[in-house]
N, C-alpha and C. Protein backbone atom coordinates (compact mmCIF):
# COMPACT_ATOMS: atom_id res chain seq x y z
N MET A 1 83.19 137.63 -163.19
CA MET A 1 83.64 137.95 -161.86
C MET A 1 82.79 139.12 -161.35
N ARG A 2 82.27 138.97 -160.15
CA ARG A 2 81.37 139.98 -159.57
C ARG A 2 81.81 140.36 -158.16
N VAL A 3 81.35 141.52 -157.72
CA VAL A 3 81.51 141.93 -156.33
C VAL A 3 80.47 141.14 -155.54
N ILE A 4 80.90 140.50 -154.46
CA ILE A 4 80.02 139.59 -153.73
C ILE A 4 78.97 140.34 -152.91
N THR A 5 79.40 141.32 -152.13
CA THR A 5 78.45 142.01 -151.25
C THR A 5 78.90 143.43 -150.98
N GLY A 6 78.07 144.16 -150.25
CA GLY A 6 78.39 145.54 -149.92
C GLY A 6 77.78 146.53 -150.90
N SER A 7 78.32 147.73 -150.91
CA SER A 7 77.73 148.81 -151.71
C SER A 7 77.80 148.58 -153.21
N ALA A 8 78.74 147.77 -153.68
CA ALA A 8 78.86 147.47 -155.12
C ALA A 8 78.39 146.06 -155.45
N ARG A 9 77.62 145.48 -154.55
CA ARG A 9 77.17 144.09 -154.70
C ARG A 9 76.59 143.81 -156.08
N GLY A 10 77.04 142.69 -156.65
CA GLY A 10 76.50 142.23 -157.92
C GLY A 10 77.13 142.86 -159.15
N MET A 11 77.91 143.91 -159.00
CA MET A 11 78.54 144.54 -160.17
C MET A 11 79.59 143.60 -160.75
N SER A 12 79.55 143.46 -162.07
CA SER A 12 80.56 142.63 -162.72
C SER A 12 81.82 143.47 -162.93
N LEU A 13 82.96 142.80 -162.78
CA LEU A 13 84.25 143.46 -162.94
C LEU A 13 84.93 142.92 -164.19
N LYS A 14 85.65 143.79 -164.83
CA LYS A 14 86.40 143.41 -166.02
C LYS A 14 87.68 142.70 -165.59
N THR A 15 88.12 141.72 -166.38
CA THR A 15 89.39 141.05 -166.13
C THR A 15 90.26 141.22 -167.37
N LEU A 16 91.52 140.92 -167.21
CA LEU A 16 92.45 141.01 -168.33
C LEU A 16 92.27 139.84 -169.27
N GLU A 17 92.43 140.09 -170.55
CA GLU A 17 92.39 139.03 -171.54
C GLU A 17 93.70 138.24 -171.46
N GLY A 18 93.66 137.00 -171.85
CA GLY A 18 94.88 136.20 -171.94
C GLY A 18 95.24 135.50 -170.65
N LEU A 19 96.49 135.02 -170.59
CA LEU A 19 96.93 134.20 -169.48
C LEU A 19 97.90 134.93 -168.55
N THR A 20 98.06 136.24 -168.71
CA THR A 20 99.03 136.95 -167.87
C THR A 20 98.52 137.15 -166.44
N THR A 21 97.22 137.11 -166.25
CA THR A 21 96.64 137.31 -164.92
C THR A 21 95.74 136.12 -164.58
N ARG A 22 95.80 135.69 -163.33
CA ARG A 22 94.99 134.60 -162.83
C ARG A 22 94.08 135.15 -161.75
N PRO A 23 92.85 135.50 -162.09
CA PRO A 23 91.96 136.06 -161.07
C PRO A 23 91.66 135.06 -159.95
N THR A 24 91.50 135.57 -158.75
CA THR A 24 91.08 134.74 -157.62
C THR A 24 89.68 134.22 -157.91
N SER A 25 89.48 132.93 -157.71
CA SER A 25 88.16 132.35 -157.98
C SER A 25 87.12 132.91 -157.02
N GLU A 26 85.88 132.86 -157.44
CA GLU A 26 84.78 133.34 -156.61
C GLU A 26 84.72 132.60 -155.28
N LYS A 27 84.94 131.28 -155.34
CA LYS A 27 84.89 130.45 -154.13
C LYS A 27 85.96 130.89 -153.13
N VAL A 28 87.19 131.10 -153.61
CA VAL A 28 88.28 131.51 -152.73
C VAL A 28 88.04 132.92 -152.21
N LYS A 29 87.59 133.82 -153.08
CA LYS A 29 87.33 135.20 -152.65
C LYS A 29 86.25 135.23 -151.56
N GLU A 30 85.20 134.48 -151.76
CA GLU A 30 84.12 134.44 -150.76
C GLU A 30 84.63 133.90 -149.42
N ALA A 31 85.46 132.87 -149.46
CA ALA A 31 86.02 132.31 -148.22
C ALA A 31 86.93 133.30 -147.51
N VAL A 32 87.78 133.98 -148.27
CA VAL A 32 88.69 134.98 -147.69
C VAL A 32 87.89 136.07 -146.99
N PHE A 33 86.88 136.58 -147.66
CA PHE A 33 86.11 137.67 -147.06
C PHE A 33 85.21 137.21 -145.93
N SER A 34 84.83 135.96 -145.92
CA SER A 34 84.12 135.42 -144.76
C SER A 34 85.05 135.40 -143.55
N ALA A 35 86.30 135.03 -143.77
CA ALA A 35 87.28 134.99 -142.67
C ALA A 35 87.60 136.40 -142.16
N LEU A 36 87.50 137.40 -143.02
CA LEU A 36 87.85 138.78 -142.64
C LEU A 36 86.64 139.67 -142.38
N GLN A 37 85.46 139.13 -142.42
CA GLN A 37 84.24 139.94 -142.46
C GLN A 37 84.13 141.02 -141.38
N PHE A 38 84.66 140.80 -140.20
CA PHE A 38 84.53 141.79 -139.13
C PHE A 38 85.75 142.69 -139.02
N GLU A 39 86.68 142.57 -139.97
CA GLU A 39 87.93 143.33 -139.91
C GLU A 39 88.10 144.31 -141.05
N ILE A 40 87.08 144.54 -141.84
CA ILE A 40 87.24 145.33 -143.05
C ILE A 40 86.81 146.78 -142.88
N GLU A 41 85.73 147.00 -142.18
CA GLU A 41 85.15 148.34 -142.02
C GLU A 41 86.20 149.35 -141.56
N GLY A 42 86.38 150.42 -142.34
CA GLY A 42 87.27 151.51 -141.97
C GLY A 42 88.76 151.22 -142.09
N ARG A 43 89.12 150.12 -142.73
CA ARG A 43 90.53 149.71 -142.82
C ARG A 43 91.20 150.20 -144.10
N ARG A 44 92.53 150.29 -144.03
CA ARG A 44 93.35 150.67 -145.18
C ARG A 44 93.88 149.39 -145.81
N VAL A 45 93.68 149.26 -147.12
CA VAL A 45 93.97 148.02 -147.84
C VAL A 45 95.07 148.25 -148.88
N LEU A 46 95.96 147.26 -148.98
CA LEU A 46 96.94 147.22 -150.06
C LEU A 46 96.67 145.96 -150.87
N ASP A 47 96.41 146.13 -152.16
CA ASP A 47 96.21 145.02 -153.08
C ASP A 47 97.45 144.98 -153.97
N LEU A 48 98.46 144.21 -153.54
CA LEU A 48 99.73 144.10 -154.25
C LEU A 48 99.58 143.03 -155.32
N PHE A 49 100.18 143.23 -156.48
CA PHE A 49 99.98 142.32 -157.63
C PHE A 49 98.48 142.29 -157.94
N ALA A 50 97.86 143.45 -158.07
CA ALA A 50 96.41 143.61 -158.05
C ALA A 50 95.65 142.98 -159.21
N GLY A 51 96.26 142.82 -160.37
CA GLY A 51 95.53 142.21 -161.50
C GLY A 51 94.34 143.05 -161.91
N SER A 52 93.14 142.59 -161.65
CA SER A 52 91.92 143.34 -161.98
C SER A 52 91.49 144.24 -160.82
N GLY A 53 92.10 144.06 -159.66
CA GLY A 53 91.73 144.85 -158.49
C GLY A 53 90.56 144.29 -157.71
N GLN A 54 90.14 143.07 -158.04
CA GLN A 54 88.91 142.55 -157.43
C GLN A 54 88.97 142.41 -155.91
N LEU A 55 90.14 142.07 -155.34
CA LEU A 55 90.20 141.90 -153.88
C LEU A 55 90.08 143.25 -153.16
N GLY A 56 90.80 144.23 -153.64
CA GLY A 56 90.70 145.57 -153.05
C GLY A 56 89.31 146.18 -153.23
N ILE A 57 88.72 145.95 -154.40
CA ILE A 57 87.37 146.47 -154.66
C ILE A 57 86.35 145.79 -153.75
N GLU A 58 86.49 144.49 -153.55
CA GLU A 58 85.58 143.79 -152.63
C GLU A 58 85.70 144.38 -151.22
N ALA A 59 86.93 144.68 -150.80
CA ALA A 59 87.13 145.28 -149.48
C ALA A 59 86.49 146.67 -149.41
N LEU A 60 86.64 147.46 -150.46
CA LEU A 60 86.00 148.79 -150.48
C LEU A 60 84.49 148.66 -150.44
N SER A 61 83.95 147.71 -151.16
CA SER A 61 82.51 147.49 -151.18
C SER A 61 81.99 147.13 -149.79
N ARG A 62 82.83 146.49 -148.99
CA ARG A 62 82.46 146.08 -147.64
C ARG A 62 82.82 147.11 -146.58
N GLY A 63 83.23 148.31 -147.00
CA GLY A 63 83.42 149.39 -146.05
C GLY A 63 84.85 149.78 -145.73
N ALA A 64 85.82 149.24 -146.44
CA ALA A 64 87.21 149.66 -146.20
C ALA A 64 87.33 151.17 -146.47
N GLU A 65 88.22 151.81 -145.72
CA GLU A 65 88.42 153.25 -145.84
C GLU A 65 89.09 153.62 -147.17
N SER A 66 90.10 152.85 -147.56
CA SER A 66 90.85 153.16 -148.77
C SER A 66 91.56 151.91 -149.27
N ALA A 67 91.97 151.97 -150.54
CA ALA A 67 92.73 150.85 -151.12
C ALA A 67 93.77 151.39 -152.08
N VAL A 68 94.96 150.81 -151.99
CA VAL A 68 96.03 151.08 -152.95
C VAL A 68 96.19 149.82 -153.77
N PHE A 69 96.11 149.98 -155.09
CA PHE A 69 96.22 148.87 -156.04
C PHE A 69 97.56 149.02 -156.76
N VAL A 70 98.39 147.98 -156.70
CA VAL A 70 99.71 148.03 -157.33
C VAL A 70 99.83 146.89 -158.33
N ASP A 71 100.17 147.25 -159.57
CA ASP A 71 100.45 146.23 -160.58
C ASP A 71 101.41 146.80 -161.61
N SER A 72 102.35 145.98 -162.07
CA SER A 72 103.36 146.44 -163.02
C SER A 72 102.87 146.43 -164.46
N ASP A 73 101.79 145.73 -164.73
CA ASP A 73 101.26 145.63 -166.09
C ASP A 73 100.36 146.83 -166.40
N LYS A 74 100.68 147.55 -167.48
CA LYS A 74 99.90 148.76 -167.80
C LYS A 74 98.46 148.41 -168.15
N ASN A 75 98.24 147.23 -168.75
CA ASN A 75 96.86 146.82 -169.06
C ASN A 75 96.09 146.52 -167.77
N ALA A 76 96.77 145.92 -166.80
CA ALA A 76 96.13 145.66 -165.51
C ALA A 76 95.75 146.98 -164.84
N ALA A 77 96.65 147.94 -164.85
CA ALA A 77 96.35 149.25 -164.25
C ALA A 77 95.14 149.89 -164.92
N ALA A 78 95.03 149.75 -166.23
CA ALA A 78 93.88 150.30 -166.95
C ALA A 78 92.59 149.59 -166.57
N VAL A 79 92.64 148.26 -166.41
CA VAL A 79 91.46 147.49 -166.01
C VAL A 79 91.05 147.86 -164.58
N ILE A 80 92.03 148.00 -163.70
CA ILE A 80 91.73 148.40 -162.32
C ILE A 80 91.03 149.75 -162.33
N LYS A 81 91.54 150.69 -163.11
CA LYS A 81 90.92 152.02 -163.19
C LYS A 81 89.47 151.92 -163.66
N GLU A 82 89.22 151.11 -164.69
CA GLU A 82 87.85 150.91 -165.17
C GLU A 82 86.96 150.34 -164.07
N ASN A 83 87.46 149.32 -163.37
CA ASN A 83 86.67 148.67 -162.32
C ASN A 83 86.41 149.61 -161.14
N VAL A 84 87.40 150.37 -160.77
CA VAL A 84 87.26 151.33 -159.65
C VAL A 84 86.25 152.42 -160.03
N THR A 85 86.31 152.87 -161.27
CA THR A 85 85.38 153.90 -161.74
C THR A 85 83.96 153.34 -161.78
N LYS A 86 83.81 152.14 -162.33
CA LYS A 86 82.49 151.51 -162.44
C LYS A 86 81.84 151.33 -161.07
N THR A 87 82.63 150.95 -160.08
CA THR A 87 82.09 150.69 -158.74
C THR A 87 82.01 151.96 -157.89
N LYS A 88 82.44 153.08 -158.47
CA LYS A 88 82.38 154.39 -157.81
C LYS A 88 83.29 154.48 -156.57
N PHE A 89 84.47 153.86 -156.66
CA PHE A 89 85.43 153.91 -155.56
C PHE A 89 86.66 154.75 -155.91
N THR A 90 86.55 155.60 -156.90
CA THR A 90 87.68 156.42 -157.34
C THR A 90 88.26 157.26 -156.20
N GLU A 91 87.41 157.85 -155.39
CA GLU A 91 87.86 158.72 -154.30
C GLU A 91 88.63 157.96 -153.21
N LYS A 92 88.33 156.68 -153.07
CA LYS A 92 88.96 155.88 -152.02
C LYS A 92 90.13 155.05 -152.53
N SER A 93 90.48 155.22 -153.81
CA SER A 93 91.46 154.35 -154.45
C SER A 93 92.68 155.11 -154.95
N GLN A 94 93.80 154.42 -154.91
CA GLN A 94 95.03 154.89 -155.54
C GLN A 94 95.53 153.73 -156.38
N ILE A 95 95.73 153.99 -157.67
CA ILE A 95 96.21 152.96 -158.58
C ILE A 95 97.66 153.28 -158.92
N VAL A 96 98.54 152.34 -158.64
CA VAL A 96 99.98 152.54 -158.85
C VAL A 96 100.44 151.56 -159.92
N HIS A 97 100.86 152.10 -161.06
CA HIS A 97 101.41 151.27 -162.14
C HIS A 97 102.92 151.21 -161.93
N MET A 98 103.34 150.15 -161.23
CA MET A 98 104.74 150.04 -160.84
C MET A 98 105.01 148.60 -160.39
N ASP A 99 106.24 148.18 -160.51
CA ASP A 99 106.66 146.90 -159.97
C ASP A 99 106.38 146.90 -158.46
N SER A 100 105.83 145.81 -157.95
CA SER A 100 105.44 145.74 -156.54
C SER A 100 106.62 145.95 -155.59
N PHE A 101 107.78 145.42 -155.93
CA PHE A 101 108.95 145.57 -155.06
C PHE A 101 109.48 147.00 -155.09
N SER A 102 109.38 147.66 -156.22
CA SER A 102 109.75 149.09 -156.29
C SER A 102 108.80 149.91 -155.42
N PHE A 103 107.52 149.58 -155.49
CA PHE A 103 106.54 150.27 -154.65
C PHE A 103 106.89 150.10 -153.17
N LEU A 104 107.21 148.87 -152.76
CA LEU A 104 107.51 148.62 -151.35
C LEU A 104 108.78 149.35 -150.90
N ARG A 105 109.74 149.51 -151.80
CA ARG A 105 110.96 150.24 -151.44
C ARG A 105 110.68 151.71 -151.17
N MET A 106 109.69 152.30 -151.83
CA MET A 106 109.40 153.73 -151.66
C MET A 106 108.21 154.01 -150.74
N ASN A 107 107.48 152.97 -150.36
CA ASN A 107 106.28 153.15 -149.54
C ASN A 107 106.61 153.58 -148.11
N VAL A 108 105.76 154.44 -147.55
CA VAL A 108 105.89 154.84 -146.14
C VAL A 108 104.58 154.61 -145.38
N LYS A 109 103.52 154.21 -146.08
CA LYS A 109 102.21 154.02 -145.46
C LYS A 109 102.12 152.68 -144.73
N LYS A 110 101.23 152.63 -143.75
CA LYS A 110 100.87 151.38 -143.07
C LYS A 110 99.50 150.95 -143.57
N PHE A 111 99.30 149.64 -143.65
CA PHE A 111 98.04 149.09 -144.12
C PHE A 111 97.51 148.09 -143.09
N ASP A 112 96.19 148.00 -143.01
CA ASP A 112 95.54 147.07 -142.09
C ASP A 112 95.33 145.69 -142.71
N ILE A 113 95.10 145.68 -144.02
CA ILE A 113 94.88 144.43 -144.75
C ILE A 113 95.74 144.49 -146.02
N VAL A 114 96.54 143.45 -146.21
CA VAL A 114 97.38 143.36 -147.41
C VAL A 114 97.03 142.06 -148.14
N PHE A 115 96.67 142.19 -149.41
CA PHE A 115 96.42 141.04 -150.25
C PHE A 115 97.65 140.78 -151.11
N LEU A 116 98.18 139.57 -151.04
CA LEU A 116 99.34 139.16 -151.82
C LEU A 116 98.94 137.98 -152.69
N ASP A 117 98.82 138.22 -153.97
CA ASP A 117 98.46 137.17 -154.91
C ASP A 117 99.31 137.32 -156.16
N PRO A 118 100.64 137.12 -156.02
CA PRO A 118 101.52 137.27 -157.19
C PRO A 118 101.35 136.12 -158.17
N PRO A 119 101.81 136.30 -159.40
CA PRO A 119 101.78 135.18 -160.35
C PRO A 119 102.51 133.98 -159.73
N TYR A 120 101.86 132.84 -159.75
CA TYR A 120 102.44 131.65 -159.10
C TYR A 120 103.82 131.31 -159.66
N ALA A 121 103.96 131.40 -160.98
CA ALA A 121 105.22 131.00 -161.61
C ALA A 121 106.38 131.93 -161.25
N ALA A 122 106.08 133.13 -160.80
CA ALA A 122 107.15 134.09 -160.47
C ALA A 122 107.91 133.69 -159.22
N GLY A 123 107.28 132.93 -158.33
CA GLY A 123 107.96 132.46 -157.12
C GLY A 123 108.41 133.57 -156.19
N VAL A 124 107.63 134.62 -156.07
CA VAL A 124 108.05 135.79 -155.28
C VAL A 124 107.23 136.00 -154.00
N LEU A 125 106.35 135.08 -153.67
CA LEU A 125 105.47 135.29 -152.51
C LEU A 125 106.25 135.46 -151.21
N ASP A 126 107.23 134.60 -150.94
CA ASP A 126 108.02 134.71 -149.71
C ASP A 126 108.69 136.08 -149.62
N ARG A 127 109.32 136.48 -150.70
CA ARG A 127 110.01 137.78 -150.74
C ARG A 127 109.02 138.94 -150.53
N ALA A 128 107.87 138.86 -151.18
CA ALA A 128 106.87 139.92 -151.05
C ALA A 128 106.35 140.00 -149.62
N LEU A 129 106.06 138.87 -149.01
CA LEU A 129 105.56 138.86 -147.63
C LEU A 129 106.60 139.42 -146.68
N GLU A 130 107.84 139.03 -146.86
CA GLU A 130 108.93 139.55 -146.02
C GLU A 130 109.01 141.08 -146.12
N GLN A 131 108.96 141.60 -147.33
CA GLN A 131 109.11 143.05 -147.53
C GLN A 131 107.87 143.83 -147.08
N VAL A 132 106.71 143.27 -147.27
CA VAL A 132 105.49 143.99 -146.92
C VAL A 132 105.21 143.96 -145.41
N SER A 133 105.81 143.02 -144.70
CA SER A 133 105.51 142.87 -143.27
C SER A 133 105.78 144.15 -142.47
N ASP A 134 106.74 144.95 -142.90
CA ASP A 134 107.02 146.22 -142.21
C ASP A 134 105.91 147.24 -142.38
N PHE A 135 105.06 147.05 -143.37
CA PHE A 135 104.02 148.03 -143.68
C PHE A 135 102.63 147.60 -143.21
N ILE A 136 102.59 146.51 -142.47
CA ILE A 136 101.32 146.06 -141.91
C ILE A 136 101.16 146.67 -140.52
N ALA A 137 100.06 147.36 -140.31
CA ALA A 137 99.80 148.02 -139.03
C ALA A 137 99.61 146.97 -137.94
N PRO A 138 99.90 147.31 -136.69
CA PRO A 138 99.66 146.37 -135.58
C PRO A 138 98.22 145.86 -135.61
N GLY A 139 98.07 144.57 -135.48
CA GLY A 139 96.74 143.95 -135.54
C GLY A 139 96.26 143.69 -136.96
N GLY A 140 97.03 144.13 -137.96
CA GLY A 140 96.66 143.95 -139.35
C GLY A 140 96.91 142.53 -139.83
N VAL A 141 96.47 142.27 -141.06
CA VAL A 141 96.60 140.93 -141.63
C VAL A 141 97.20 140.97 -143.03
N ALA A 142 97.90 139.90 -143.36
CA ALA A 142 98.37 139.64 -144.72
C ALA A 142 97.64 138.40 -145.20
N VAL A 143 97.05 138.48 -146.37
CA VAL A 143 96.33 137.39 -146.98
C VAL A 143 97.12 136.94 -148.20
N CYS A 144 97.66 135.73 -148.16
CA CYS A 144 98.56 135.22 -149.21
C CYS A 144 97.91 134.07 -149.95
N GLU A 145 97.80 134.19 -151.26
CA GLU A 145 97.25 133.13 -152.09
C GLU A 145 98.39 132.41 -152.80
N TYR A 146 98.34 131.08 -152.82
CA TYR A 146 99.42 130.30 -153.44
C TYR A 146 98.88 128.94 -153.86
N PRO A 147 99.61 128.24 -154.74
CA PRO A 147 99.14 126.92 -155.17
C PRO A 147 99.17 125.91 -154.02
N SER A 148 98.16 125.08 -153.93
CA SER A 148 98.05 124.12 -152.83
C SER A 148 99.20 123.12 -152.77
N GLU A 149 99.84 122.85 -153.90
CA GLU A 149 100.96 121.89 -153.86
C GLU A 149 102.21 122.50 -153.24
N ASN A 150 102.25 123.81 -153.06
CA ASN A 150 103.39 124.48 -152.43
C ASN A 150 103.20 124.58 -150.91
N GLN A 151 104.30 124.82 -150.24
CA GLN A 151 104.26 125.10 -148.80
C GLN A 151 103.74 126.53 -148.60
N PRO A 152 103.14 126.83 -147.44
CA PRO A 152 102.74 128.21 -147.16
C PRO A 152 103.98 129.12 -147.17
N PRO A 153 103.77 130.41 -147.40
CA PRO A 153 104.91 131.33 -147.39
C PRO A 153 105.62 131.30 -146.05
N LYS A 154 106.93 131.56 -146.10
CA LYS A 154 107.73 131.60 -144.86
C LYS A 154 107.24 132.76 -144.00
N LEU A 155 107.18 132.48 -142.72
CA LEU A 155 106.66 133.45 -141.76
C LEU A 155 107.74 134.45 -141.38
N PRO A 156 107.60 135.72 -141.78
CA PRO A 156 108.59 136.72 -141.39
C PRO A 156 108.45 137.11 -139.91
N GLU A 157 109.50 137.65 -139.37
CA GLU A 157 109.46 138.14 -138.00
C GLU A 157 108.38 139.21 -137.87
N GLY A 158 107.66 139.18 -136.77
CA GLY A 158 106.61 140.17 -136.52
C GLY A 158 105.23 139.73 -136.96
N LEU A 159 105.15 138.62 -137.69
CA LEU A 159 103.86 138.08 -138.10
C LEU A 159 103.66 136.71 -137.47
N SER A 160 102.41 136.35 -137.25
CA SER A 160 102.11 135.01 -136.75
C SER A 160 101.04 134.39 -137.64
N GLU A 161 101.10 133.07 -137.75
CA GLU A 161 100.12 132.37 -138.58
C GLU A 161 98.77 132.39 -137.88
N HIS A 162 97.76 132.81 -138.62
CA HIS A 162 96.40 132.82 -138.07
C HIS A 162 95.63 131.60 -138.56
N LYS A 163 95.61 131.40 -139.88
CA LYS A 163 94.81 130.30 -140.43
C LYS A 163 95.29 130.00 -141.84
N ILE A 164 95.22 128.73 -142.22
CA ILE A 164 95.51 128.33 -143.59
C ILE A 164 94.30 127.56 -144.11
N TYR A 165 93.84 127.97 -145.29
CA TYR A 165 92.68 127.36 -145.93
C TYR A 165 93.13 126.72 -147.24
N LYS A 166 92.55 125.55 -147.57
CA LYS A 166 92.84 124.90 -148.85
C LYS A 166 91.54 124.74 -149.63
N TYR A 167 91.58 125.15 -150.88
CA TYR A 167 90.43 125.05 -151.77
C TYR A 167 90.91 124.43 -153.07
N SER A 168 90.87 123.13 -153.16
CA SER A 168 91.30 122.43 -154.37
C SER A 168 92.74 122.81 -154.72
N ARG A 169 92.96 123.52 -155.81
CA ARG A 169 94.32 123.85 -156.27
C ARG A 169 94.88 125.12 -155.65
N THR A 170 94.08 125.84 -154.88
CA THR A 170 94.50 127.11 -154.30
C THR A 170 94.46 127.04 -152.78
N SER A 171 95.49 127.60 -152.15
CA SER A 171 95.50 127.73 -150.70
C SER A 171 95.65 129.21 -150.34
N VAL A 172 95.17 129.55 -149.15
CA VAL A 172 95.25 130.91 -148.65
C VAL A 172 95.78 130.85 -147.23
N ALA A 173 96.84 131.62 -146.98
CA ALA A 173 97.38 131.74 -145.63
C ALA A 173 97.08 133.15 -145.13
N ILE A 174 96.57 133.22 -143.92
CA ILE A 174 96.30 134.52 -143.29
C ILE A 174 97.26 134.67 -142.11
N TYR A 175 98.06 135.73 -142.16
CA TYR A 175 99.04 136.03 -141.11
C TYR A 175 98.66 137.32 -140.42
N ARG A 176 98.92 137.39 -139.12
CA ARG A 176 98.60 138.58 -138.33
C ARG A 176 99.86 139.28 -137.87
N LYS A 177 99.76 140.60 -137.82
CA LYS A 177 100.87 141.40 -137.28
C LYS A 177 100.75 141.39 -135.76
N ASP A 178 101.84 141.04 -135.09
CA ASP A 178 101.86 140.99 -133.62
C ASP A 178 101.72 142.38 -133.01
């Protein structure tokens, strides 16, 4: 897994061993960032269920102002820290080792771009999108990854559907804050 473009272009990122984390494929990541390419510069990013942190790091590489990485797995938090250090984004990053829903209960910040890629089997995407919608800044976006055989996440009040993309077994829904 590599950073596609920007200041950290070509750097390989570490991923977690085993089956506890499912990294976003390169094809899906490239498509997501093509869709967001003009909306990243200077933005505040939340990478919820961050795993290796690759989505937030890609955003930082493309000029995002800051990124908060949240993951409940201590090994994931350690991998994110390694990746953030390797790509030299330590100053722009906050790594939170905490359950994503606990983080949302205590959060007061607004974000311009929110990446939601929870474990598919957990079935928490709808709940996560509902809770995070209050923390998306006006004009901001939520990017939700889910299995293609499932329906897109339910649209919470205050968000509108922008685009849905399907890539084989993975789909991505992009929602905008009104």
